[in-house]
């Protein structure tokens, strides 16, 4: 009878298969290890780039904050200078207006004084033309004469303050004042005075 075929020796095949499987596992592990290294490197690079980007953005934001702050400061300085310039301009205008008003006031006062002086001078001239000088009137005569007049210049009363003339001289001056009535009217009505105080001097 034929001999049965011997059982194939599978131990060698199993060993070869096991070695192959081990090599494949080792290769897969090595590949995984290398892949992890690559992944770790890529992650580290990504984080480095992300950190760089974060720092860049922070620097840009800080630069923008500084720029905005500088612009706000510049605008504040401009506004402060504008307010100061406006204040100085107003002060200068006020000072100029005040000086103008004072100059006008002084001019008005000078004109009024001049008009008053001319008015008194015209009255004294008329009284002097009407004065009949008595023999007792000496050189250096000085009399303060108070004259009351109406709105039309009519003399209604004559009296004396200090006077270095005698009674005859006073009477002659009083007569001259009444003779001069109506007294001259001033060119400027604002200087008219019902109660005049005159200095009659020779």
Foldseek 3Di string as FASTA:
>chain_A
DDDDDDDDDCPVVVVVVVVVVVVVVVVVVVVVVVVVVVVVVVVVVVVVVVVVVVVVVVVVVVVVVVVVVVVVVVVVVVVVVVVVVVVVVVVVVVVVVVVVVVVVVVVVVVVLVVLLVVQQVQQLVQLVVQFDADPQDDAWWKWKKKFAADPQQQTDDIDTDDTPGDPVRVVRSVRSNNVSPSGDATPDNVSDDRIDIHINHD
